[in-house]
Amino acid sequence: MGKLSWAFSILLLVTVSCLRQEQSGRETIDIVKEIAADSSLPESKLLSGFTRLPSGGDIAIIGSSVSCVQLGQSFLSCDEYENVRGMKRSDDLMDFAGETFSLMCDTACTPYDEFLQEKGEKALRESAVRKVLAALSQKCSVSIYDLEGNQEKNPAKMIILADPWLLQYGKFDIDTLFTLTSCKVPVFSPQGLMMDAAFAGERKYFNIGIIGAPSCVGKGIYRSIFDAKAKEHGIVGARFFEASADKASANIIGSFLDSYIQSGRTEPLDAILVDDWDLDMERLEQDLQAVRDFSREESMLYGKLVSPVFLLAGSSSLTMSACYEKLRELSLFTHRIALPELKSYTFSATPAGSETPFLLIPSDNV
């Protein structure tokens, strides 16, 4: 690297890093600084190839096996838009027809809460960055012994971080890296979109209930994201409650409000955010209507716990809408005449002694 180019890279890194740190109160991790400062690194060269996006690329979903499969299946059956004009109404055609979703199931670092406790925050953040780089690569490995990566795969044109831990411990660094290297690949987090629905619009919602994924409730991760997002959007005094859904209940919203009452809370909720992809949002809307219908028993029991101006939002529908609209905005649809399809990959730990902690391998080879 020439002296001028090197100096410019350092100046760019310092400027953007300081700006992002000022905005978020966080500093990015070393791997991001190293890649951004040295354009000769393979990772830097990889990222520089995404100033323009490949419409033929895949949509990568990164996270735990359960989360990846849930998201992937939801995308396969999504029909929320009229595909010719992009209007928000069903047209009996799959919204993501012709698209390929690469499920990149992480078995190397999950469960994330245990990895975080054992290895620490920086290790999880670096792991998230490395997994995104693997999604962008046109290579993957044949097996855990193929350290060079000798199998072809499609690069990602869009990335979804499926689990809340990847939002809290990774997305900031990924966004910083992409900004510093002019990588244009969109990166979404279902939980981030969900929190933004409550905090980012003109109307702010201050008393928030979260129906969370059973594997995440009680782990502290929703609380961490809630606090970070409230700070990001300048919300002071926001209140938080979380519980998992009683899926056997006749009214899931009512059951959630029962848990809310049992916690000692009495003030009306302004919003319920749903991060359980097994739940049907249409069913939850019906449950909410029953709670607000003065002719129903549910209204007498729970109506006072729901504010007059109320938001019910699900990370599932928000994620699919965000992805659809971004693909349309950037003209990234493949326009292949085919049903959407899934490809499965696994992030597998490498043998002891390897400098590479994990490799991306087609799941059939694992």
Foldseek 3Di string as FASTA:
>chain_A
DDPVLLVVLLVLLVVLQVVLCVLQVDGADDVLSVLSRDCVDPLLVLLLVQLPFALPFAEEEEEAPVLLVLLVVLLLPDAQADQPVGHGHGDPDRLQFPHEYEYAHEPLCPPVLVSCVVPHLQVQQVVLQVVLSQQQDQFFAADLVRPPGDDGDGHHQEYEHRDLSCVVRHPSSNVSSCVSSSRPRYYYYLLVLLLCVQQVDPDHWAEEEEQAAPVCPPSCSNVSSNVSSCVSRVHPRGHYYYDHFPVVDPQRVLVSVVVVVVVVDDAAGQEYEYEYSVDDVVSNVVSVVLCCDPVHPNVVVCVRNHDPNHYYYYSSVSVSSVVSVVCVVSVSRPPDRGRYYYWYWYFAAHDPPDPDGTTIHGPVSD
